[in-house]
PDB file of N, CA and C in Angstrom:
ATOM      1  N   MET A   1      -7.758 -34.305   6.478  1.00  0.00           N
ATOM      2  CA  MET A   1      -6.406 -34.350   6.996  1.00  0.00           C
ATOM      3  C   MET A   1      -5.391 -33.834   5.974  1.00  0.00           C
ATOM      4  N   ALA A   2      -5.740 -33.847   4.705  1.00  0.00           N
ATOM      5  CA  ALA A   2      -4.770 -33.454   3.697  1.00  0.00           C
ATOM      6  C   ALA A   2      -5.082 -32.082   3.105  1.00  0.00           C
ATOM      7  N   ASP A   3      -5.775 -31.228   3.852  1.00  0.00           N
ATOM      8  CA  ASP A   3      -6.085 -29.890   3.347  1.00  0.00           C
ATOM      9  C   ASP A   3      -4.834 -29.101   3.026  1.00  0.00           C
ATOM     10  N   ARG A   4      -3.759 -29.358   3.736  1.00  0.00           N
ATOM     11  CA  ARG A   4      -2.532 -28.584   3.526  1.00  0.00           C
ATOM     12  C   ARG A   4      -1.982 -28.776   2.120  1.00  0.00           C
ATOM     13  N   TYR A   5      -2.344 -29.837   1.445  1.00  0.00           N
ATOM     14  CA  TYR A   5      -1.854 -30.075   0.093  1.00  0.00           C
ATOM     15  C   TYR A   5      -2.639 -29.275  -0.952  1.00  0.00           C
ATOM     16  N   MET A   6      -3.687 -28.590  -0.553  1.00  0.00           N
ATOM     17  CA  MET A   6      -4.500 -27.819  -1.486  1.00  0.00           C
ATOM     18  C   MET A   6      -4.080 -26.360  -1.550  1.00  0.00           C
ATOM     19  N   TYR A   7      -3.230 -25.906  -0.643  1.00  0.00           N
ATOM     20  CA  TYR A   7      -2.863 -24.484  -0.602  1.00  0.00           C
ATOM     21  C   TYR A   7      -2.201 -24.029  -1.898  1.00  0.00           C
ATOM     22  N   ILE A   8      -1.192 -24.705  -2.367  1.00  0.00           N
ATOM     23  CA  ILE A   8      -0.452 -24.274  -3.548  1.00  0.00           C
ATOM     24  C   ILE A   8      -1.323 -24.353  -4.810  1.00  0.00           C
ATOM     25  N   PRO A   9      -2.031 -25.451  -5.082  1.00  0.00           N
ATOM     26  CA  PRO A   9      -2.870 -25.470  -6.286  1.00  0.00           C
ATOM     27  C   PRO A   9      -3.989 -24.433  -6.255  1.00  0.00           C
ATOM     28  N   SER A  10      -4.492 -24.084  -5.073  1.00  0.00           N
ATOM     29  CA  SER A  10      -5.589 -23.122  -5.021  1.00  0.00           C
ATOM     30  C   SER A  10      -5.135 -21.713  -5.371  1.00  0.00           C
ATOM     31  N   ILE A  11      -3.836 -21.423  -5.300  1.00  0.00           N
ATOM     32  CA  ILE A  11      -3.348 -20.106  -5.704  1.00  0.00           C
ATOM     33  C   ILE A  11      -3.703 -19.862  -7.173  1.00  0.00           C
ATOM     34  N   GLY A  12      -3.496 -20.847  -8.007  1.00  0.00           N
ATOM     35  CA  GLY A  12      -3.843 -20.715  -9.422  1.00  0.00           C
ATOM     36  C   GLY A  12      -5.332 -20.486  -9.631  1.00  0.00           C
ATOM     37  N   LEU A  13      -6.163 -21.165  -8.840  1.00  0.00           N
ATOM     38  CA  LEU A  13      -7.608 -20.976  -8.957  1.00  0.00           C
ATOM     39  C   LEU A  13      -8.008 -19.558  -8.551  1.00  0.00           C
ATOM     40  N   PHE A  14      -7.406 -19.040  -7.488  1.00  0.00           N
ATOM     41  CA  PHE A  14      -7.722 -17.678  -7.062  1.00  0.00           C
ATOM     42  C   PHE A  14      -7.276 -16.656  -8.105  1.00  0.00           C
ATOM     43  N   ILE A  15      -6.115 -16.857  -8.701  1.00  0.00           N
ATOM     44  CA  ILE A  15      -5.656 -15.955  -9.758  1.00  0.00           C
ATOM     45  C   ILE A  15      -6.627 -16.003 -10.936  1.00  0.00           C
ATOM     46  N   LEU A  16      -7.072 -17.192 -11.311  1.00  0.00           N
ATOM     47  CA  LEU A  16      -8.040 -17.340 -12.394  1.00  0.00           C
ATOM     48  C   LEU A  16      -9.324 -16.569 -12.103  1.00  0.00           C
ATOM     49  N   VAL A  17      -9.835 -16.686 -10.902  1.00  0.00           N
ATOM     50  CA  VAL A  17     -11.072 -15.993 -10.538  1.00  0.00           C
ATOM     51  C   VAL A  17     -10.873 -14.482 -10.550  1.00  0.00           C
ATOM     52  N   VAL A  18      -9.794 -14.009  -9.946  1.00  0.00           N
ATOM     53  CA  VAL A  18      -9.558 -12.561  -9.873  1.00  0.00           C
ATOM     54  C   VAL A  18      -9.381 -11.966 -11.260  1.00  0.00           C
ATOM     55  N   TRP A  19      -8.591 -12.600 -12.100  1.00  0.00           N
ATOM     56  CA  TRP A  19      -8.394 -12.075 -13.454  1.00  0.00           C
ATOM     57  C   TRP A  19      -9.672 -12.188 -14.278  1.00  0.00           C
ATOM     58  N   GLY A  20     -10.444 -13.240 -14.048  1.00  0.00           N
ATOM     59  CA  GLY A  20     -11.720 -13.375 -14.751  1.00  0.00           C
ATOM     60  C   GLY A  20     -12.697 -12.273 -14.368  1.00  0.00           C
ATOM     61  N   VAL A  21     -12.770 -11.960 -13.079  1.00  0.00           N
ATOM     62  CA  VAL A  21     -13.642 -10.871 -12.627  1.00  0.00           C
ATOM     63  C   VAL A  21     -13.158  -9.539 -13.194  1.00  0.00           C
ATOM     64  N   ALA A  22     -11.836  -9.332 -13.222  1.00  0.00           N
ATOM     65  CA  ALA A  22     -11.294  -8.092 -13.779  1.00  0.00           C
ATOM     66  C   ALA A  22     -11.655  -7.954 -15.257  1.00  0.00           C
ATOM     67  N   ASP A  23     -11.539  -9.029 -16.014  1.00  0.00           N
ATOM     68  CA  ASP A  23     -11.924  -8.988 -17.430  1.00  0.00           C
ATOM     69  C   ASP A  23     -13.423  -8.736 -17.593  1.00  0.00           C
ATOM     70  N   PHE A  24     -14.221  -9.362 -16.745  1.00  0.00           N
ATOM     71  CA  PHE A  24     -15.666  -9.157 -16.783  1.00  0.00           C
ATOM     72  C   PHE A  24     -16.007  -7.687 -16.530  1.00  0.00           C
ATOM     73  N   LEU A  25     -15.324  -7.080 -15.566  1.00  0.00           N
ATOM     74  CA  LEU A  25     -15.600  -5.677 -15.250  1.00  0.00           C
ATOM     75  C   LEU A  25     -15.126  -4.739 -16.347  1.00  0.00           C
ATOM     76  N   ASN A  26     -14.149  -5.147 -17.148  1.00  0.00           N
ATOM     77  CA  ASN A  26     -13.761  -4.341 -18.304  1.00  0.00           C
ATOM     78  C   ASN A  26     -14.875  -4.313 -19.339  1.00  0.00           C
ATOM     79  N   TRP A  27     -15.630  -5.412 -19.459  1.00  0.00           N
ATOM     80  CA  TRP A  27     -16.749  -5.474 -20.394  1.00  0.00           C
ATOM     81  C   TRP A  27     -17.961  -4.727 -19.850  1.00  0.00           C
ATOM     82  N   ARG A  28     -18.166  -4.813 -18.550  1.00  0.00           N
ATOM     83  CA  ARG A  28     -19.348  -4.229 -17.919  1.00  0.00           C
ATOM     84  C   ARG A  28     -18.927  -3.323 -16.756  1.00  0.00           C
ATOM     85  N   PRO A  29     -18.485  -2.115 -17.060  1.00  0.00           N
ATOM     86  CA  PRO A  29     -17.985  -1.235 -16.000  1.00  0.00           C
ATOM     87  C   PRO A  29     -19.062  -0.816 -14.998  1.00  0.00           C
ATOM     88  N   HIS A  30     -20.344  -0.846 -15.378  1.00  0.00           N
ATOM     89  CA  HIS A  30     -21.401  -0.463 -14.452  1.00  0.00           C
ATOM     90  C   HIS A  30     -21.600  -1.505 -13.335  1.00  0.00           C
ATOM     91  N   TRP A  31     -21.027  -2.682 -13.492  1.00  0.00           N
ATOM     92  CA  TRP A  31     -21.106  -3.719 -12.463  1.00  0.00           C
ATOM     93  C   TRP A  31     -20.026  -3.540 -11.399  1.00  0.00           C
ATOM     94  N   GLN A  32     -19.125  -2.608 -11.592  1.00  0.00           N
ATOM     95  CA  GLN A  32     -18.001  -2.463 -10.682  1.00  0.00           C
ATOM     96  C   GLN A  32     -18.457  -2.152  -9.255  1.00  0.00           C
ATOM     97  N   ARG A  33     -19.451  -1.295  -9.114  1.00  0.00           N
ATOM     98  CA  ARG A  33     -19.952  -0.958  -7.774  1.00  0.00           C
ATOM     99  C   ARG A  33     -20.556  -2.188  -7.093  1.00  0.00           C
ATOM    100  N   ILE A  34     -21.303  -2.975  -7.843  1.00  0.00           N
ATOM    101  CA  ILE A  34     -21.925  -4.170  -7.276  1.00  0.00           C
ATOM    102  C   ILE A  34     -20.852  -5.165  -6.837  1.00  0.00           C
ATOM    103  N   MET A  35     -19.849  -5.361  -7.671  1.00  0.00           N
ATOM    104  CA  MET A  35     -18.779  -6.306  -7.333  1.00  0.00           C
ATOM    105  C   MET A  35     -17.960  -5.810  -6.139  1.00  0.00           C
ATOM    106  N   THR A  36     -17.772  -4.500  -6.053  1.00  0.00           N
ATOM    107  CA  THR A  36     -17.058  -3.939  -4.903  1.00  0.00           C
ATOM    108  C   THR A  36     -17.845  -4.181  -3.630  1.00  0.00           C
ATOM    109  N   MET A  37     -19.142  -3.972  -3.681  1.00  0.00           N
ATOM    110  CA  MET A  37     -19.975  -4.227  -2.500  1.00  0.00           C
ATOM    111  C   MET A  37     -19.984  -5.706  -2.148  1.00  0.00           C
ATOM    112  N   ALA A  38     -20.051  -6.576  -3.150  1.00  0.00           N
ATOM    113  CA  ALA A  38     -20.028  -8.020  -2.890  1.00  0.00           C
ATOM    114  C   ALA A  38     -18.702  -8.422  -2.247  1.00  0.00           C
ATOM    115  N   GLY A  39     -17.611  -7.830  -2.726  1.00  0.00           N
ATOM    116  CA  GLY A  39     -16.314  -8.108  -2.115  1.00  0.00           C
ATOM    117  C   GLY A  39     -16.247  -7.637  -0.679  1.00  0.00           C
ATOM    118  N   GLY A  40     -16.831  -6.485  -0.405  1.00  0.00           N
ATOM    119  CA  GLY A  40     -16.870  -5.975   0.968  1.00  0.00           C
ATOM    120  C   GLY A  40     -17.687  -6.864   1.889  1.00  0.00           C
ATOM    121  N   VAL A  41     -18.820  -7.347   1.388  1.00  0.00           N
ATOM    122  CA  VAL A  41     -19.654  -8.262   2.179  1.00  0.00           C
ATOM    123  C   VAL A  41     -18.902  -9.567   2.444  1.00  0.00           C
ATOM    124  N   ALA A  42     -18.215 -10.080   1.417  1.00  0.00           N
ATOM    125  CA  ALA A  42     -17.441 -11.313   1.595  1.00  0.00           C
ATOM    126  C   ALA A  42     -16.326 -11.104   2.610  1.00  0.00           C
ATOM    127  N   LEU A  43     -15.652  -9.964   2.549  1.00  0.00           N
ATOM    128  CA  LEU A  43     -14.591  -9.660   3.500  1.00  0.00           C
ATOM    129  C   LEU A  43     -15.141  -9.547   4.911  1.00  0.00           C
ATOM    130  N   ALA A  44     -16.299  -8.901   5.066  1.00  0.00           N
ATOM    131  CA  ALA A  44     -16.922  -8.790   6.386  1.00  0.00           C
ATOM    132  C   ALA A  44     -17.284 -10.172   6.924  1.00  0.00           C
ATOM    133  N   GLY A  45     -17.781 -11.044   6.055  1.00  0.00           N
ATOM    134  CA  GLY A  45     -18.086 -12.410   6.480  1.00  0.00           C
ATOM    135  C   GLY A  45     -16.849 -13.161   6.934  1.00  0.00           C
ATOM    136  N   CYS A  46     -15.749 -12.955   6.223  1.00  0.00           N
ATOM    137  CA  CYS A  46     -14.484 -13.585   6.632  1.00  0.00           C
ATOM    138  C   CYS A  46     -14.016 -13.056   7.984  1.00  0.00           C
ATOM    139  N   LEU A  47     -14.199 -11.762   8.205  1.00  0.00           N
ATOM    140  CA  LEU A  47     -13.806 -11.183   9.492  1.00  0.00           C
ATOM    141  C   LEU A  47     -14.634 -11.752  10.638  1.00  0.00           C
ATOM    142  N   VAL A  48     -15.939 -11.909  10.420  1.00  0.00           N
ATOM    143  CA  VAL A  48     -16.806 -12.487  11.449  1.00  0.00           C
ATOM    144  C   VAL A  48     -16.405 -13.937  11.719  1.00  0.00           C
ATOM    145  N   GLY A  49     -16.167 -14.691  10.647  1.00  0.00           N
ATOM    146  CA  GLY A  49     -15.743 -16.087  10.815  1.00  0.00           C
ATOM    147  C   GLY A  49     -14.413 -16.200  11.549  1.00  0.00           C
ATOM    148  N   THR A  50     -13.496 -15.295  11.255  1.00  0.00           N
ATOM    149  CA  THR A  50     -12.204 -15.296  11.939  1.00  0.00           C
ATOM    150  C   THR A  50     -12.387 -14.997  13.414  1.00  0.00           C
ATOM    151  N   ARG A  51     -13.235 -14.035  13.735  1.00  0.00           N
ATOM    152  CA  ARG A  51     -13.476 -13.675  15.139  1.00  0.00           C
ATOM    153  C   ARG A  51     -14.051 -14.874  15.901  1.00  0.00           C
ATOM    154  N   ILE A  52     -14.968 -15.574  15.287  1.00  0.00           N
ATOM    155  CA  ILE A  52     -15.552 -16.760  15.931  1.00  0.00           C
ATOM    156  C   ILE A  52     -14.480 -17.821  16.146  1.00  0.00           C
ATOM    157  N   GLN A  53     -13.651 -18.075  15.134  1.00  0.00           N
ATOM    158  CA  GLN A  53     -12.602 -19.079  15.265  1.00  0.00           C
ATOM    159  C   GLN A  53     -11.579 -18.695  16.329  1.00  0.00           C
ATOM    160  N   LEU A  54     -11.257 -17.418  16.422  1.00  0.00           N
ATOM    161  CA  LEU A  54     -10.284 -16.984  17.423  1.00  0.00           C
ATOM    162  C   LEU A  54     -10.755 -17.260  18.844  1.00  0.00           C
ATOM    163  N   SER A  55     -12.063 -17.259  19.051  1.00  0.00           N
ATOM    164  CA  SER A  55     -12.574 -17.548  20.395  1.00  0.00           C
ATOM    165  C   SER A  55     -12.299 -18.996  20.792  1.00  0.00           C
ATOM    166  N   TYR A  56     -12.169 -19.888  19.821  1.00  0.00           N
ATOM    167  CA  TYR A  56     -11.871 -21.287  20.127  1.00  0.00           C
ATOM    168  C   TYR A  56     -10.384 -21.522  20.347  1.00  0.00           C
ATOM    169  N   TRP A  57      -9.533 -20.616  19.900  1.00  0.00           N
ATOM    170  CA  TRP A  57      -8.088 -20.797  19.957  1.00  0.00           C
ATOM    171  C   TRP A  57      -7.466 -20.047  21.132  1.00  0.00           C
ATOM    172  N   GLN A  58      -8.221 -19.808  22.196  1.00  0.00           N
ATOM    173  CA  GLN A  58      -7.695 -19.102  23.363  1.00  0.00           C
ATOM    174  C   GLN A  58      -6.544 -19.868  23.999  1.00  0.00           C
ATOM    175  N   ASN A  59      -6.750 -21.155  24.155  1.00  0.00           N
ATOM    176  CA  ASN A  59      -5.719 -22.028  24.720  1.00  0.00           C
ATOM    177  C   ASN A  59      -6.020 -23.457  24.268  1.00  0.00           C
ATOM    178  N   SER A  60      -5.126 -24.355  24.585  1.00  0.00           N
ATOM    179  CA  SER A  60      -5.267 -25.739  24.114  1.00  0.00           C
ATOM    180  C   SER A  60      -6.511 -26.413  24.673  1.00  0.00           C
ATOM    181  N   ILE A  61      -6.840 -26.136  25.906  1.00  0.00           N
ATOM    182  CA  ILE A  61      -8.005 -26.784  26.517  1.00  0.00           C
ATOM    183  C   ILE A  61      -9.278 -26.374  25.789  1.00  0.00           C
ATOM    184  N   GLU A  62      -9.455 -25.077  25.568  1.00  0.00           N
ATOM    185  CA  GLU A  62     -10.650 -24.602  24.852  1.00  0.00           C
ATOM    186  C   GLU A  62     -10.705 -25.171  23.432  1.00  0.00           C
ATOM    187  N   LEU A  63      -9.565 -25.212  22.776  1.00  0.00           N
ATOM    188  CA  LEU A  63      -9.510 -25.712  21.401  1.00  0.00           C
ATOM    189  C   LEU A  63      -9.936 -27.170  21.320  1.00  0.00           C
ATOM    190  N   PHE A  64      -9.356 -28.010  22.164  1.00  0.00           N
ATOM    191  CA  PHE A  64      -9.672 -29.435  22.085  1.00  0.00           C
ATOM    192  C   PHE A  64     -11.065 -29.738  22.613  1.00  0.00           C
ATOM    193  N   ARG A  65     -11.548 -28.985  23.597  1.00  0.00           N
ATOM    194  CA  ARG A  65     -12.930 -29.175  24.043  1.00  0.00           C
ATOM    195  C   ARG A  65     -13.912 -28.817  22.932  1.00  0.00           C
ATOM    196  N   HIS A  66     -13.628 -27.756  22.203  1.00  0.00           N
ATOM    197  CA  HIS A  66     -14.502 -27.394  21.079  1.00  0.00           C
ATOM    198  C   HIS A  66     -14.459 -28.473  19.995  1.00  0.00           C
ATOM    199  N   ALA A  67     -13.267 -28.987  19.721  1.00  0.00           N
ATOM    200  CA  ALA A  67     -13.145 -30.050  18.710  1.00  0.00           C
ATOM    201  C   ALA A  67     -13.959 -31.275  19.110  1.00  0.00           C
ATOM    202  N   ILE A  68     -13.953 -31.600  20.392  1.00  0.00           N
ATOM    203  CA  ILE A  68     -14.733 -32.748  20.874  1.00  0.00           C
ATOM    204  C   ILE A  68     -16.225 -32.471  20.760  1.00  0.00           C
ATOM    205  N   GLU A  69     -16.639 -31.221  21.010  1.00  0.00           N
ATOM    206  CA  GLU A  69     -18.063 -30.869  20.929  1.00  0.00           C
ATOM    207  C   GLU A  69     -18.606 -30.959  19.502  1.00  0.00           C
ATOM    208  N   VAL A  70     -17.800 -30.610  18.524  1.00  0.00           N
ATOM    209  CA  VAL A  70     -18.321 -30.511  17.157  1.00  0.00           C
ATOM    210  C   VAL A  70     -18.018 -31.736  16.298  1.00  0.00           C
ATOM    211  N   THR A  71     -17.282 -32.702  16.821  1.00  0.00           N
ATOM    212  CA  THR A  71     -16.990 -33.917  16.057  1.00  0.00           C
ATOM    213  C   THR A  71     -17.375 -35.140  16.866  1.00  0.00           C
ATOM    214  N   THR A  72     -17.381 -36.274  16.202  1.00  0.00           N
ATOM    215  CA  THR A  72     -17.638 -37.533  16.895  1.00  0.00           C
ATOM    216  C   THR A  72     -16.428 -38.443  16.724  1.00  0.00           C
ATOM    217  N   ASP A  73     -16.162 -39.227  17.722  1.00  0.00           N
ATOM    218  CA  ASP A  73     -15.066 -40.206  17.697  1.00  0.00           C
ATOM    219  C   ASP A  73     -13.738 -39.557  17.306  1.00  0.00           C
ATOM    220  N   ASN A  74     -13.439 -38.403  17.873  1.00  0.00           N
ATOM    221  CA  ASN A  74     -12.215 -37.683  17.555  1.00  0.00           C
ATOM    222  C   ASN A  74     -11.155 -38.046  18.595  1.00  0.00           C
ATOM    223  N   PHE A  75     -10.503 -39.173  18.387  1.00  0.00           N
ATOM    224  CA  PHE A  75      -9.527 -39.647  19.366  1.00  0.00           C
ATOM    225  C   PHE A  75      -8.327 -38.724  19.482  1.00  0.00           C
ATOM    226  N   VAL A  76      -7.999 -38.025  18.425  1.00  0.00           N
ATOM    227  CA  VAL A  76      -6.868 -37.089  18.476  1.00  0.00           C
ATOM    228  C   VAL A  76      -7.183 -35.949  19.441  1.00  0.00           C
ATOM    229  N   ALA A  77      -8.396 -35.392  19.359  1.00  0.00           N
ATOM    230  CA  ALA A  77      -8.778 -34.302  20.258  1.00  0.00           C
ATOM    231  C   ALA A  77      -8.819 -34.778  21.702  1.00  0.00           C
ATOM    232  N   TYR A  78      -9.358 -35.969  21.944  1.00  0.00           N
ATOM    233  CA  TYR A  78      -9.385 -36.514  23.302  1.00  0.00           C
ATOM    234  C   TYR A  78      -7.965 -36.719  23.837  1.00  0.00           C
ATOM    235  N   THR A  79      -7.096 -37.255  23.003  1.00  0.00           N
ATOM    236  CA  THR A  79      -5.719 -37.492  23.425  1.00  0.00           C
ATOM    237  C   THR A  79      -5.006 -36.183  23.741  1.00  0.00           C
ATOM    238  N   CYS A  80      -5.134 -35.203  22.855  1.00  0.00           N
ATOM    239  CA  CYS A  80      -4.471 -33.915  23.069  1.00  0.00           C
ATOM    240  C   CYS A  80      -5.043 -33.196  24.286  1.00  0.00           C
ATOM    241  N   LEU A  81      -6.340 -33.275  24.500  1.00  0.00           N
ATOM    242  CA  LEU A  81      -6.934 -32.671  25.684  1.00  0.00           C
ATOM    243  C   LEU A  81      -6.414 -33.354  26.952  1.00  0.00           C
ATOM    244  N   GLY A  82      -6.375 -34.665  26.909  1.00  0.00           N
ATOM    245  CA  GLY A  82      -5.841 -35.393  28.073  1.00  0.00           C
ATOM    246  C   GLY A  82      -4.406 -35.061  28.361  1.00  0.00           C
ATOM    247  N   GLU A  83      -3.575 -34.960  27.336  1.00  0.00           N
ATOM    248  CA  GLU A  83      -2.173 -34.621  27.543  1.00  0.00           C
ATOM    249  C   GLU A  83      -2.019 -33.195  28.081  1.00  0.00           C
ATOM    250  N   THR A  84      -2.844 -32.277  27.588  1.00  0.00           N
ATOM    251  CA  THR A  84      -2.784 -30.899  28.069  1.00  0.00           C
ATOM    252  C   THR A  84      -3.191 -30.822  29.534  1.00  0.00           C
ATOM    253  N   LEU A  85      -4.271 -31.521  29.900  1.00  0.00           N
ATOM    254  CA  LEU A  85      -4.712 -31.529  31.298  1.00  0.00           C
ATOM    255  C   LEU A  85      -3.686 -32.214  32.198  1.00  0.00           C
ATOM    256  N   ARG A  86      -3.067 -33.270  31.687  1.00  0.00           N
ATOM    257  CA  ARG A  86      -2.021 -33.950  32.463  1.00  0.00           C
ATOM    258  C   ARG A  86      -0.832 -33.009  32.705  1.00  0.00           C
ATOM    259  N   ASP A  87      -0.441 -32.280  31.685  1.00  0.00           N
ATOM    260  CA  ASP A  87       0.688 -31.358  31.826  1.00  0.00           C
ATOM    261  C   ASP A  87       0.386 -30.249  32.828  1.00  0.00           C
ATOM    262  N   LEU A  88      -0.897 -29.880  32.939  1.00  0.00           N
ATOM    263  CA  LEU A  88      -1.286 -28.838  33.915  1.00  0.00           C
ATOM    264  C   LEU A  88      -1.477 -29.394  35.307  1.00  0.00           C
ATOM    265  N   GLY A  89      -1.431 -30.704  35.422  1.00  0.00           N
ATOM    266  CA  GLY A  89      -1.537 -31.312  36.741  1.00  0.00           C
ATOM    267  C   GLY A  89      -2.941 -31.767  37.033  1.00  0.00           C
TER     268      GLY A  89
END
């Protein structure tokens, strides 16, 4: 529930990783192609994951039904699904 509090501190961690990789590649320039390919694979994985997540966010009903399918005792998802269905009649 408190993931939103990790966004700002994680910026520093990402900067640390990126600058560390850049320094590493200055020492070992022949690794640059491998790291570029690894970055491309990671980006492709993120794109696939995003596409899958977007299929769940079509509308509120699909979103809350998916949340109910993948979690247990999720009263928030049940409540939000019920309110959405009630609003639709």
